[in-house]
PDB file of all heavy atoms in Angstrom:
ATOM      1  N   LYS A   1       9.535   2.758  -7.999  1.00  0.00           N
ATOM      2  CA  LYS A   1       8.470   2.581  -7.010  1.00  0.00           C
ATOM      3  C   LYS A   1       7.093   2.798  -7.617  1.00  0.00           C
ATOM      4  O   LYS A   1       6.287   3.603  -7.116  1.00  0.00           O
ATOM      5  CB  LYS A   1       8.698   3.531  -5.820  1.00  0.00           C
ATOM      6  CG  LYS A   1       9.996   3.285  -5.083  1.00  0.00           C
ATOM      7  CD  LYS A   1      10.162   4.238  -3.918  1.00  0.00           C
ATOM      8  CE  LYS A   1      11.456   3.968  -3.167  1.00  0.00           C
ATOM      9  NZ  LYS A   1      11.656   4.905  -2.027  1.00  0.00           N
ATOM     10  N   PHE A   2       6.819   2.059  -8.693  1.00  0.00           N
ATOM     11  CA  PHE A   2       5.596   2.309  -9.461  1.00  0.00           C
ATOM     12  C   PHE A   2       4.337   2.218  -8.604  1.00  0.00           C
ATOM     13  O   PHE A   2       3.549   3.170  -8.519  1.00  0.00           O
ATOM     14  CB  PHE A   2       5.518   1.328 -10.634  1.00  0.00           C
ATOM     15  CG  PHE A   2       4.200   1.352 -11.349  1.00  0.00           C
ATOM     16  CD1 PHE A   2       3.832   2.445 -12.109  1.00  0.00           C
ATOM     17  CD2 PHE A   2       3.317   0.291 -11.232  1.00  0.00           C
ATOM     18  CE1 PHE A   2       2.609   2.481 -12.753  1.00  0.00           C
ATOM     19  CE2 PHE A   2       2.091   0.309 -11.882  1.00  0.00           C
ATOM     20  CZ  PHE A   2       1.743   1.413 -12.642  1.00  0.00           C
ATOM     21  N   PHE A   3       4.101   1.071  -7.967  1.00  0.00           N
ATOM     22  CA  PHE A   3       2.866   0.897  -7.203  1.00  0.00           C
ATOM     23  C   PHE A   3       2.787   1.867  -6.027  1.00  0.00           C
ATOM     24  O   PHE A   3       1.699   2.315  -5.664  1.00  0.00           O
ATOM     25  CB  PHE A   3       2.753  -0.546  -6.702  1.00  0.00           C
ATOM     26  CG  PHE A   3       2.257  -1.511  -7.738  1.00  0.00           C
ATOM     27  CD1 PHE A   3       3.152  -2.238  -8.508  1.00  0.00           C
ATOM     28  CD2 PHE A   3       0.903  -1.694  -7.960  1.00  0.00           C
ATOM     29  CE1 PHE A   3       2.704  -3.126  -9.473  1.00  0.00           C
ATOM     30  CE2 PHE A   3       0.438  -2.585  -8.919  1.00  0.00           C
ATOM     31  CZ  PHE A   3       1.341  -3.298  -9.688  1.00  0.00           C
ATOM     32  N   ASP A   4       3.936   2.194  -5.451  1.00  0.00           N
ATOM     33  CA  ASP A   4       3.954   3.063  -4.270  1.00  0.00           C
ATOM     34  C   ASP A   4       3.705   4.528  -4.599  1.00  0.00           C
ATOM     35  O   ASP A   4       3.410   5.320  -3.690  1.00  0.00           O
ATOM     36  CB  ASP A   4       5.298   2.943  -3.541  1.00  0.00           C
ATOM     37  CG  ASP A   4       5.519   1.546  -2.985  1.00  0.00           C
ATOM     38  OD1 ASP A   4       4.520   0.852  -2.729  1.00  0.00           O
ATOM     39  OD2 ASP A   4       6.690   1.154  -2.815  1.00  0.00           O
ATOM     40  N   THR A   5       3.850   4.917  -5.874  1.00  0.00           N
ATOM     41  CA  THR A   5       3.752   6.338  -6.230  1.00  0.00           C
ATOM     42  C   THR A   5       2.596   6.652  -7.176  1.00  0.00           C
ATOM     43  O   THR A   5       2.515   7.767  -7.695  1.00  0.00           O
ATOM     44  CB  THR A   5       5.074   6.817  -6.870  1.00  0.00           C
ATOM     45  OG1 THR A   5       5.367   6.019  -8.030  1.00  0.00           O
ATOM     46  CG2 THR A   5       6.227   6.706  -5.887  1.00  0.00           C
ATOM     47  N   LEU A   6       1.701   5.696  -7.393  1.00  0.00           N
ATOM     48  CA  LEU A   6       0.558   5.956  -8.266  1.00  0.00           C
ATOM     49  C   LEU A   6      -0.310   7.074  -7.686  1.00  0.00           C
ATOM     50  O   LEU A   6      -0.692   7.041  -6.511  1.00  0.00           O
ATOM     51  CB  LEU A   6      -0.283   4.695  -8.429  1.00  0.00           C
ATOM     52  CG  LEU A   6       0.179   3.682  -9.478  1.00  0.00           C
ATOM     53  CD1 LEU A   6      -0.669   2.423  -9.403  1.00  0.00           C
ATOM     54  CD2 LEU A   6       0.116   4.278 -10.872  1.00  0.00           C
ATOM     55  N   ASP A   7      -0.610   8.047  -8.512  1.00  0.00           N
ATOM     56  CA  ASP A   7      -1.442   9.164  -8.094  1.00  0.00           C
ATOM     57  C   ASP A   7      -2.918   8.755  -8.152  1.00  0.00           C
ATOM     58  O   ASP A   7      -3.412   8.333  -9.188  1.00  0.00           O
ATOM     59  CB  ASP A   7      -1.186  10.375  -9.000  1.00  0.00           C
ATOM     60  CG  ASP A   7      -1.973  11.593  -8.567  1.00  0.00           C
ATOM     61  OD1 ASP A   7      -3.111  11.762  -9.040  1.00  0.00           O
ATOM     62  OD2 ASP A   7      -1.460  12.375  -7.750  1.00  0.00           O
ATOM     63  N   HIS A   8      -3.619   8.882  -7.033  1.00  0.00           N
ATOM     64  CA  HIS A   8      -4.998   8.407  -6.951  1.00  0.00           C
ATOM     65  C   HIS A   8      -5.918   9.126  -7.933  1.00  0.00           C
ATOM     66  O   HIS A   8      -6.776   8.493  -8.580  1.00  0.00           O
ATOM     67  CB  HIS A   8      -5.526   8.569  -5.527  1.00  0.00           C
ATOM     68  CG  HIS A   8      -4.879   7.653  -4.545  1.00  0.00           C
ATOM     69  ND1 HIS A   8      -5.129   7.704  -3.185  1.00  0.00           N
ATOM     70  CD2 HIS A   8      -3.973   6.644  -4.722  1.00  0.00           C
ATOM     71  CE1 HIS A   8      -4.417   6.774  -2.572  1.00  0.00           C
ATOM     72  NE2 HIS A   8      -3.708   6.134  -3.478  1.00  0.00           N
ATOM     73  N   LYS A   9      -5.782  10.439  -8.061  1.00  0.00           N
ATOM     74  CA  LYS A   9      -6.650  11.182  -8.974  1.00  0.00           C
ATOM     75  C   LYS A   9      -6.432  10.752 -10.422  1.00  0.00           C
ATOM     76  O   LYS A   9      -7.393  10.625 -11.189  1.00  0.00           O
ATOM     77  CB  LYS A   9      -6.407  12.683  -8.813  1.00  0.00           C
ATOM     78  CG  LYS A   9      -6.880  13.251  -7.486  1.00  0.00           C
ATOM     79  CD  LYS A   9      -6.662  14.760  -7.425  1.00  0.00           C
ATOM     80  CE  LYS A   9      -7.172  15.323  -6.095  1.00  0.00           C
ATOM     81  NZ  LYS A   9      -6.950  16.794  -6.007  1.00  0.00           N
ATOM     82  N   LEU A  10      -5.179  10.528 -10.784  1.00  0.00           N
ATOM     83  CA  LEU A  10      -4.895  10.102 -12.157  1.00  0.00           C
ATOM     84  C   LEU A  10      -5.404   8.685 -12.411  1.00  0.00           C
ATOM     85  O   LEU A  10      -5.862   8.372 -13.513  1.00  0.00           O
ATOM     86  CB  LEU A  10      -3.397  10.190 -12.431  1.00  0.00           C
ATOM     87  CG  LEU A  10      -2.789  11.598 -12.468  1.00  0.00           C
ATOM     88  CD1 LEU A  10      -1.297  11.521 -12.778  1.00  0.00           C
ATOM     89  CD2 LEU A  10      -3.491  12.464 -13.507  1.00  0.00           C
ATOM     90  N   VAL A  11      -5.316   7.815 -11.401  1.00  0.00           N
ATOM     91  CA  VAL A  11      -5.833   6.460 -11.556  1.00  0.00           C
ATOM     92  C   VAL A  11      -7.340   6.488 -11.791  1.00  0.00           C
ATOM     93  O   VAL A  11      -7.866   5.834 -12.704  1.00  0.00           O
ATOM     94  CB  VAL A  11      -5.496   5.597 -10.325  1.00  0.00           C
ATOM     95  CG1 VAL A  11      -6.221   4.247 -10.396  1.00  0.00           C
ATOM     96  CG2 VAL A  11      -3.996   5.370 -10.215  1.00  0.00           C
ATOM     97  N   LEU A  12      -8.053   7.258 -10.988  1.00  0.00           N
ATOM     98  CA  LEU A  12      -9.506   7.345 -11.141  1.00  0.00           C
ATOM     99  C   LEU A  12      -9.885   7.983 -12.471  1.00  0.00           C
ATOM    100  O   LEU A  12     -10.868   7.578 -13.107  1.00  0.00           O
ATOM    101  CB  LEU A  12     -10.094   8.138  -9.975  1.00  0.00           C
ATOM    102  CG  LEU A  12     -10.079   7.410  -8.623  1.00  0.00           C
ATOM    103  CD1 LEU A  12     -10.412   8.364  -7.491  1.00  0.00           C
ATOM    104  CD2 LEU A  12     -11.067   6.248  -8.638  1.00  0.00           C
ATOM    105  N   ARG A  13      -9.107   8.973 -12.902  1.00  0.00           N
ATOM    106  CA  ARG A  13      -9.355   9.582 -14.206  1.00  0.00           C
ATOM    107  C   ARG A  13      -9.182   8.558 -15.319  1.00  0.00           C
ATOM    108  O   ARG A  13      -9.958   8.525 -16.278  1.00  0.00           O
ATOM    109  CB  ARG A  13      -8.420  10.769 -14.429  1.00  0.00           C
ATOM    110  CG  ARG A  13      -8.704  11.529 -15.720  1.00  0.00           C
ATOM    111  CD  ARG A  13      -7.622  12.556 -16.014  1.00  0.00           C
ATOM    112  NE  ARG A  13      -7.480  13.523 -14.926  1.00  0.00           N
ATOM    113  CZ  ARG A  13      -6.541  14.467 -14.911  1.00  0.00           C
ATOM    114  NH1 ARG A  13      -5.657  14.545 -15.909  1.00  0.00           N
ATOM    115  NH2 ARG A  13      -6.485  15.321 -13.906  1.00  0.00           N
ATOM    116  N   ALA A  14      -8.174   7.698 -15.173  1.00  0.00           N
ATOM    117  CA  ALA A  14      -7.940   6.656 -16.177  1.00  0.00           C
ATOM    118  C   ALA A  14      -9.098   5.657 -16.201  1.00  0.00           C
ATOM    119  O   ALA A  14      -9.566   5.256 -17.272  1.00  0.00           O
ATOM    120  CB  ALA A  14      -6.627   5.943 -15.889  1.00  0.00           C
ATOM    121  N   VAL A  15      -9.583   5.254 -15.030  1.00  0.00           N
ATOM    122  CA  VAL A  15     -10.693   4.297 -14.975  1.00  0.00           C
ATOM    123  C   VAL A  15     -11.949   4.900 -15.599  1.00  0.00           C
ATOM    124  O   VAL A  15     -12.710   4.212 -16.292  1.00  0.00           O
ATOM    125  CB  VAL A  15     -10.952   3.858 -13.522  1.00  0.00           C
ATOM    126  CG1 VAL A  15     -12.176   2.945 -13.447  1.00  0.00           C
ATOM    127  CG2 VAL A  15      -9.744   3.136 -12.949  1.00  0.00           C
ATOM    128  N   ARG A  16     -12.163   6.191 -15.393  1.00  0.00           N
ATOM    129  CA  ARG A  16     -13.348   6.846 -15.952  1.00  0.00           C
ATOM    130  C   ARG A  16     -13.336   6.879 -17.469  1.00  0.00           C
ATOM    131  O   ARG A  16     -14.390   7.096 -18.088  1.00  0.00           O
ATOM    132  CB  ARG A  16     -13.464   8.272 -15.400  1.00  0.00           C
ATOM    133  CG  ARG A  16     -13.864   8.345 -13.934  1.00  0.00           C
ATOM    134  CD  ARG A  16     -14.204   9.765 -13.510  1.00  0.00           C
ATOM    135  NE  ARG A  16     -14.479   9.840 -12.080  1.00  0.00           N
ATOM    136  CZ  ARG A  16     -13.599  10.225 -11.168  1.00  0.00           C
ATOM    137  NH1 ARG A  16     -12.367  10.585 -11.552  1.00  0.00           N
ATOM    138  NH2 ARG A  16     -13.925  10.257  -9.901  1.00  0.00           N
ATOM    139  N   ARG A  17     -12.178   6.677 -18.087  1.00  0.00           N
ATOM    140  CA  ARG A  17     -12.119   6.600 -19.543  1.00  0.00           C
ATOM    141  C   ARG A  17     -12.864   5.368 -20.067  1.00  0.00           C
ATOM    142  O   ARG A  17     -13.240   5.314 -21.242  1.00  0.00           O
ATOM    143  CB  ARG A  17     -10.655   6.553 -20.010  1.00  0.00           C
ATOM    144  CG  ARG A  17      -9.886   7.845 -19.832  1.00  0.00           C
ATOM    145  CD  ARG A  17     -10.214   8.831 -20.934  1.00  0.00           C
ATOM    146  NE  ARG A  17      -9.784   8.330 -22.235  1.00  0.00           N
ATOM    147  CZ  ARG A  17      -8.588   8.550 -22.769  1.00  0.00           C
ATOM    148  NH1 ARG A  17      -7.696   9.270 -22.101  1.00  0.00           N
ATOM    149  NH2 ARG A  17      -8.275   8.080 -23.962  1.00  0.00           N
ATOM    150  N   PHE A  18     -13.072   4.377 -19.193  1.00  0.00           N
ATOM    151  CA  PHE A  18     -13.666   3.119 -19.625  1.00  0.00           C
ATOM    152  C   PHE A  18     -15.035   2.834 -19.016  1.00  0.00           C
ATOM    153  O   PHE A  18     -15.779   2.003 -19.530  1.00  0.00           O
ATOM    154  CB  PHE A  18     -12.725   1.954 -19.295  1.00  0.00           C
ATOM    155  CG  PHE A  18     -11.391   2.053 -19.966  1.00  0.00           C
ATOM    156  CD1 PHE A  18     -10.294   2.576 -19.295  1.00  0.00           C
ATOM    157  CD2 PHE A  18     -11.229   1.651 -21.279  1.00  0.00           C
ATOM    158  CE1 PHE A  18      -9.058   2.669 -19.910  1.00  0.00           C
ATOM    159  CE2 PHE A  18      -9.999   1.744 -21.910  1.00  0.00           C
ATOM    160  CZ  PHE A  18      -8.918   2.256 -21.227  1.00  0.00           C
ATOM    161  N   THR A  19     -15.358   3.491 -17.909  1.00  0.00           N
ATOM    162  CA  THR A  19     -16.655   3.242 -17.274  1.00  0.00           C
ATOM    163  C   THR A  19     -17.083   4.452 -16.452  1.00  0.00           C
ATOM    164  O   THR A  19     -16.240   5.190 -15.924  1.00  0.00           O
ATOM    165  CB  THR A  19     -16.603   1.997 -16.368  1.00  0.00           C
ATOM    166  OG1 THR A  19     -17.911   1.739 -15.853  1.00  0.00           O
ATOM    167  CG2 THR A  19     -15.650   2.191 -15.206  1.00  0.00           C
ATOM    168  N   ASP A  20     -18.394   4.628 -16.357  1.00  0.00           N
ATOM    169  CA  ASP A  20     -18.960   5.638 -15.462  1.00  0.00           C
ATOM    170  C   ASP A  20     -19.781   4.975 -14.361  1.00  0.00           C
ATOM    171  O   ASP A  20     -20.591   5.631 -13.693  1.00  0.00           O
ATOM    172  CB  ASP A  20     -19.810   6.637 -16.237  1.00  0.00           C
ATOM    173  CG  ASP A  20     -20.968   5.963 -16.980  1.00  0.00           C
ATOM    174  OD1 ASP A  20     -21.074   4.717 -16.922  1.00  0.00           O
ATOM    175  OD2 ASP A  20     -21.767   6.678 -17.618  1.00  0.00           O
ATOM    176  N   CYS A  21     -19.571   3.668 -14.173  1.00  0.00           N
ATOM    177  CA  CYS A  21     -20.302   2.914 -13.155  1.00  0.00           C
ATOM    178  C   CYS A  21     -19.972   3.483 -11.768  1.00  0.00           C
ATOM    179  O   CYS A  21     -18.817   3.438 -11.322  1.00  0.00           O
ATOM    180  CB  CYS A  21     -19.934   1.436 -13.237  1.00  0.00           C
ATOM    181  SG  CYS A  21     -20.787   0.407 -12.030  1.00  0.00           S
ATOM    182  N   LYS A  22     -20.993   3.970 -11.078  1.00  0.00           N
ATOM    183  CA  LYS A  22     -20.762   4.699  -9.826  1.00  0.00           C
ATOM    184  C   LYS A  22     -20.179   3.813  -8.736  1.00  0.00           C
ATOM    185  O   LYS A  22     -19.276   4.228  -8.004  1.00  0.00           O
ATOM    186  CB  LYS A  22     -22.076   5.340  -9.361  1.00  0.00           C
ATOM    187  CG  LYS A  22     -22.560   6.467 -10.271  1.00  0.00           C
ATOM    188  CD  LYS A  22     -23.830   7.110  -9.723  1.00  0.00           C
ATOM    189  CE  LYS A  22     -24.293   8.250 -10.630  1.00  0.00           C
ATOM    190  NZ  LYS A  22     -25.538   8.893 -10.132  1.00  0.00           N
ATOM    191  N   TRP A  23     -20.700   2.591  -8.614  1.00  0.00           N
ATOM    192  CA  TRP A  23     -20.216   1.757  -7.508  1.00  0.00           C
ATOM    193  C   TRP A  23     -18.780   1.302  -7.735  1.00  0.00           C
ATOM    194  O   TRP A  23     -17.997   1.210  -6.774  1.00  0.00           O
ATOM    195  CB  TRP A  23     -21.149   0.589  -7.247  1.00  0.00           C
ATOM    196  CG  TRP A  23     -21.226  -0.489  -8.282  1.00  0.00           C
ATOM    197  CD1 TRP A  23     -22.117  -0.571  -9.304  1.00  0.00           C
ATOM    198  CD2 TRP A  23     -20.397  -1.654  -8.392  1.00  0.00           C
ATOM    199  NE1 TRP A  23     -21.902  -1.700 -10.051  1.00  0.00           N
ATOM    200  CE2 TRP A  23     -20.855  -2.391  -9.505  1.00  0.00           C
ATOM    201  CE3 TRP A  23     -19.321  -2.152  -7.665  1.00  0.00           C
ATOM    202  CZ2 TRP A  23     -20.268  -3.588  -9.905  1.00  0.00           C
ATOM    203  CZ3 TRP A  23     -18.733  -3.349  -8.052  1.00  0.00           C
ATOM    204  CH2 TRP A  23     -19.197  -4.052  -9.156  1.00  0.00           C
ATOM    205  N   VAL A  24     -18.410   1.042  -8.986  1.00  0.00           N
ATOM    206  CA  VAL A  24     -17.034   0.653  -9.275  1.00  0.00           C
ATOM    207  C   VAL A  24     -16.079   1.798  -8.944  1.00  0.00           C
ATOM    208  O   VAL A  24     -15.051   1.609  -8.271  1.00  0.00           O
ATOM    209  CB  VAL A  24     -16.893   0.233 -10.755  1.00  0.00           C
ATOM    210  CG1 VAL A  24     -15.418   0.072 -11.124  1.00  0.00           C
ATOM    211  CG2 VAL A  24     -17.637  -1.070 -11.003  1.00  0.00           C
ATOM    212  N   LEU A  25     -16.405   3.001  -9.395  1.00  0.00           N
ATOM    213  CA  LEU A  25     -15.548   4.159  -9.131  1.00  0.00           C
ATOM    214  C   LEU A  25     -15.468   4.464  -7.637  1.00  0.00           C
ATOM    215  O   LEU A  25     -14.389   4.774  -7.111  1.00  0.00           O
ATOM    216  CB  LEU A  25     -16.069   5.375  -9.899  1.00  0.00           C
ATOM    217  CG  LEU A  25     -15.984   5.281 -11.427  1.00  0.00           C
ATOM    218  CD1 LEU A  25     -16.788   6.410 -12.068  1.00  0.00           C
ATOM    219  CD2 LEU A  25     -14.540   5.340 -11.882  1.00  0.00           C
ATOM    220  N   MET A  26     -16.592   4.350  -6.958  1.00  0.00           N
ATOM    221  CA  MET A  26     -16.619   4.655  -5.523  1.00  0.00           C
ATOM    222  C   MET A  26     -15.748   3.676  -4.740  1.00  0.00           C
ATOM    223  O   MET A  26     -14.938   4.087  -3.884  1.00  0.00           O
ATOM    224  CB  MET A  26     -18.055   4.596  -5.012  1.00  0.00           C
ATOM    225  CG  MET A  26     -18.195   4.859  -3.515  1.00  0.00           C
ATOM    226  SD  MET A  26     -19.899   4.750  -2.949  1.00  0.00           S
ATOM    227  CE  MET A  26     -20.189   2.975  -3.098  1.00  0.00           C
ATOM    228  N   TYR A  27     -15.873   2.379  -5.042  1.00  0.00           N
ATOM    229  CA  TYR A  27     -15.106   1.398  -4.277  1.00  0.00           C
ATOM    230  C   TYR A  27     -13.628   1.416  -4.643  1.00  0.00           C
ATOM    231  O   TYR A  27     -12.769   1.181  -3.780  1.00  0.00           O
ATOM    232  CB  TYR A  27     -15.704   0.005  -4.447  1.00  0.00           C
ATOM    233  CG  TYR A  27     -17.023  -0.157  -3.710  1.00  0.00           C
ATOM    234  CD1 TYR A  27     -18.147  -0.649  -4.353  1.00  0.00           C
ATOM    235  CD2 TYR A  27     -17.137   0.218  -2.370  1.00  0.00           C
ATOM    236  CE1 TYR A  27     -19.353  -0.792  -3.683  1.00  0.00           C
ATOM    237  CE2 TYR A  27     -18.336   0.087  -1.697  1.00  0.00           C
ATOM    238  CZ  TYR A  27     -19.446  -0.412  -2.354  1.00  0.00           C
ATOM    239  OH  TYR A  27     -20.636  -0.528  -1.679  1.00  0.00           O
ATOM    240  N   ILE A  28     -13.301   1.692  -5.888  1.00  0.00           N
ATOM    241  CA  ILE A  28     -11.882   1.819  -6.251  1.00  0.00           C
ATOM    242  C   ILE A  28     -11.250   2.954  -5.467  1.00  0.00           C
ATOM    243  O   ILE A  28     -10.131   2.828  -4.945  1.00  0.00           O
ATOM    244  CB  ILE A  28     -11.725   2.026  -7.770  1.00  0.00           C
ATOM    245  CG1 ILE A  28     -12.000   0.715  -8.511  1.00  0.00           C
ATOM    246  CG2 ILE A  28     -10.322   2.535  -8.103  1.00  0.00           C
ATOM    247  CD1 ILE A  28     -11.961   0.837 -10.016  1.00  0.00           C
ATOM    248  N   GLU A  29     -11.965   4.063  -5.346  1.00  0.00           N
ATOM    249  CA  GLU A  29     -11.429   5.188  -4.569  1.00  0.00           C
ATOM    250  C   GLU A  29     -11.243   4.786  -3.107  1.00  0.00           C
ATOM    251  O   GLU A  29     -10.224   5.127  -2.482  1.00  0.00           O
ATOM    252  CB  GLU A  29     -12.365   6.386  -4.672  1.00  0.00           C
ATOM    253  CG  GLU A  29     -11.833   7.630  -3.982  1.00  0.00           C
ATOM    254  CD  GLU A  29     -12.673   8.867  -4.246  1.00  0.00           C
ATOM    255  OE1 GLU A  29     -13.810   8.721  -4.762  1.00  0.00           O
ATOM    256  OE2 GLU A  29     -12.197   9.979  -3.939  1.00  0.00           O
ATOM    257  N   ARG A  30     -12.178   4.043  -2.557  1.00  0.00           N
ATOM    258  CA  ARG A  30     -12.050   3.606  -1.166  1.00  0.00           C
ATOM    259  C   ARG A  30     -10.882   2.641  -0.990  1.00  0.00           C
ATOM    260  O   ARG A  30     -10.165   2.695   0.008  1.00  0.00           O
ATOM    261  CB  ARG A  30     -13.356   2.959  -0.700  1.00  0.00           C
ATOM    262  CG  ARG A  30     -14.508   3.944  -0.540  1.00  0.00           C
ATOM    263  CD  ARG A  30     -15.775   3.261  -0.052  1.00  0.00           C
ATOM    264  NE  ARG A  30     -16.902   4.192   0.004  1.00  0.00           N
ATOM    265  CZ  ARG A  30     -18.140   3.862   0.354  1.00  0.00           C
ATOM    266  NH1 ARG A  30     -18.407   2.614   0.715  1.00  0.00           N
ATOM    267  NH2 ARG A  30     -19.101   4.769   0.359  1.00  0.00           N
ATOM    268  N   TRP A  31     -10.695   1.733  -1.938  1.00  0.00           N
ATOM    269  CA  TRP A  31      -9.574   0.794  -1.838  1.00  0.00           C
ATOM    270  C   TRP A  31      -8.234   1.522  -1.945  1.00  0.00           C
ATOM    271  O   TRP A  31      -7.289   1.172  -1.255  1.00  0.00           O
ATOM    272  CB  TRP A  31      -9.688  -0.279  -2.925  1.00  0.00           C
ATOM    273  CG  TRP A  31     -10.701  -1.330  -2.607  1.00  0.00           C
ATOM    274  CD1 TRP A  31     -10.855  -1.973  -1.415  1.00  0.00           C
ATOM    275  CD2 TRP A  31     -11.706  -1.849  -3.475  1.00  0.00           C
ATOM    276  NE1 TRP A  31     -11.892  -2.870  -1.485  1.00  0.00           N
ATOM    277  CE2 TRP A  31     -12.430  -2.832  -2.741  1.00  0.00           C
ATOM    278  CE3 TRP A  31     -12.062  -1.610  -4.804  1.00  0.00           C
ATOM    279  CZ2 TRP A  31     -13.490  -3.531  -3.302  1.00  0.00           C
ATOM    280  CZ3 TRP A  31     -13.113  -2.317  -5.358  1.00  0.00           C
ATOM    281  CH2 TRP A  31     -13.823  -3.270  -4.609  1.00  0.00           C
ATOM    282  N   LEU A  32      -8.155   2.507  -2.803  1.00  0.00           N
ATOM    283  CA  LEU A  32      -6.911   3.265  -2.932  1.00  0.00           C
ATOM    284  C   LEU A  32      -6.582   4.008  -1.641  1.00  0.00           C
ATOM    285  O   LEU A  32      -5.404   4.163  -1.293  1.00  0.00           O
ATOM    286  CB  LEU A  32      -7.016   4.258  -4.093  1.00  0.00           C
ATOM    287  CG  LEU A  32      -7.009   3.668  -5.503  1.00  0.00           C
ATOM    288  CD1 LEU A  32      -7.309   4.756  -6.526  1.00  0.00           C
ATOM    289  CD2 LEU A  32      -5.670   3.005  -5.817  1.00  0.00           C
ATOM    290  N   GLN A  33      -7.609   4.447  -0.932  1.00  0.00           N
ATOM    291  CA  GLN A  33      -7.398   5.261   0.271  1.00  0.00           C
ATOM    292  C   GLN A  33      -7.429   4.450   1.564  1.00  0.00           C
ATOM    293  O   GLN A  33      -7.272   5.014   2.644  1.00  0.00           O
ATOM    294  CB  GLN A  33      -8.468   6.360   0.335  1.00  0.00           C
ATOM    295  CG  GLN A  33      -8.382   7.354  -0.809  1.00  0.00           C
ATOM    296  CD  GLN A  33      -9.510   8.361  -0.798  1.00  0.00           C
ATOM    297  OE1 GLN A  33     -10.469   8.240  -0.017  1.00  0.00           O
ATOM    298  NE2 GLN A  33      -9.422   9.367  -1.669  1.00  0.00           N
ATOM    299  N   ALA A  34      -7.608   3.144   1.462  1.00  0.00           N
ATOM    300  CA  ALA A  34      -7.681   2.303   2.669  1.00  0.00           C
ATOM    301  C   ALA A  34      -6.376   2.399   3.461  1.00  0.00           C
ATOM    302  O   ALA A  34      -5.282   2.473   2.896  1.00  0.00           O
ATOM    303  CB  ALA A  34      -7.962   0.855   2.284  1.00  0.00           C
ATOM    304  N   ASP A  35      -6.500   2.386   4.784  1.00  0.00           N
ATOM    305  CA  ASP A  35      -5.326   2.461   5.651  1.00  0.00           C
ATOM    306  C   ASP A  35      -4.437   1.232   5.484  1.00  0.00           C
ATOM    307  O   ASP A  35      -4.872   0.172   5.035  1.00  0.00           O
ATOM    308  CB  ASP A  35      -5.750   2.568   7.118  1.00  0.00           C
ATOM    309  CG  ASP A  35      -6.373   3.925   7.446  1.00  0.00           C
ATOM    310  OD1 ASP A  35      -6.303   4.831   6.590  1.00  0.00           O
ATOM    311  OD2 ASP A  35      -6.934   4.061   8.550  1.00  0.00           O
ATOM    312  N   VAL A  36      -3.193   1.406   5.913  1.00  0.00           N
ATOM    313  CA  VAL A  36      -2.225   0.308   5.971  1.00  0.00           C
ATOM    314  C   VAL A  36      -1.970  -0.006   7.438  1.00  0.00           C
ATOM    315  O   VAL A  36      -1.725   0.902   8.239  1.00  0.00           O
ATOM    316  CB  VAL A  36      -0.909   0.688   5.274  1.00  0.00           C
ATOM    317  CG1 VAL A  36       0.128  -0.425   5.449  1.00  0.00           C
ATOM    318  CG2 VAL A  36      -1.147   0.973   3.798  1.00  0.00           C
ATOM    319  N   GLN A  37      -2.056  -1.268   7.808  1.00  0.00           N
ATOM    320  CA  GLN A  37      -1.774  -1.682   9.182  1.00  0.00           C
ATOM    321  C   GLN A  37      -0.458  -2.429   9.232  1.00  0.00           C
ATOM    322  O   GLN A  37      -0.256  -3.406   8.503  1.00  0.00           O
ATOM    323  CB  GLN A  37      -2.897  -2.561   9.727  1.00  0.00           C
ATOM    324  CG  GLN A  37      -2.672  -2.990  11.180  1.00  0.00           C
ATOM    325  CD  GLN A  37      -3.901  -3.626  11.789  1.00  0.00           C
ATOM    326  OE1 GLN A  37      -5.008  -3.099  11.690  1.00  0.00           O
ATOM    327  NE2 GLN A  37      -3.715  -4.777  12.433  1.00  0.00           N
ATOM    328  N   LEU A  38       0.440  -1.971  10.088  1.00  0.00           N
ATOM    329  CA  LEU A  38       1.736  -2.617  10.247  1.00  0.00           C
ATOM    330  C   LEU A  38       1.593  -3.874  11.102  1.00  0.00           C
ATOM    331  O   LEU A  38       0.564  -4.101  11.751  1.00  0.00           O
ATOM    332  CB  LEU A  38       2.726  -1.645  10.884  1.00  0.00           C
ATOM    333  CG  LEU A  38       2.895  -0.290  10.184  1.00  0.00           C
ATOM    334  CD1 LEU A  38       3.979   0.529  10.872  1.00  0.00           C
ATOM    335  CD2 LEU A  38       3.206  -0.470   8.711  1.00  0.00           C
ATOM    336  N   GLN A  39       2.642  -4.682  11.105  1.00  0.00           N
ATOM    337  CA  GLN A  39       2.594  -5.938  11.853  1.00  0.00           C
ATOM    338  C   GLN A  39       2.357  -5.704  13.337  1.00  0.00           C
ATOM    339  O   GLN A  39       1.740  -6.526  14.017  1.00  0.00           O
ATOM    340  CB  GLN A  39       3.910  -6.715  11.642  1.00  0.00           C
ATOM    341  CG  GLN A  39       4.117  -7.215  10.229  1.00  0.00           C
ATOM    342  CD  GLN A  39       3.249  -8.400   9.884  1.00  0.00           C
ATOM    343  OE1 GLN A  39       2.595  -8.972  10.749  1.00  0.00           O
ATOM    344  NE2 GLN A  39       3.228  -8.783   8.615  1.00  0.00           N
TER     345      GLN A  39
END
């Protein structure tokens, strides 16, 4: 269950290894935390 179990903090830490762009980091965090709507 790779995609279902990705740890958000570790993902953001990994992205920060390549960029410190504030808007990219901010929106990635928002996308990771976005709600899921069922049918």
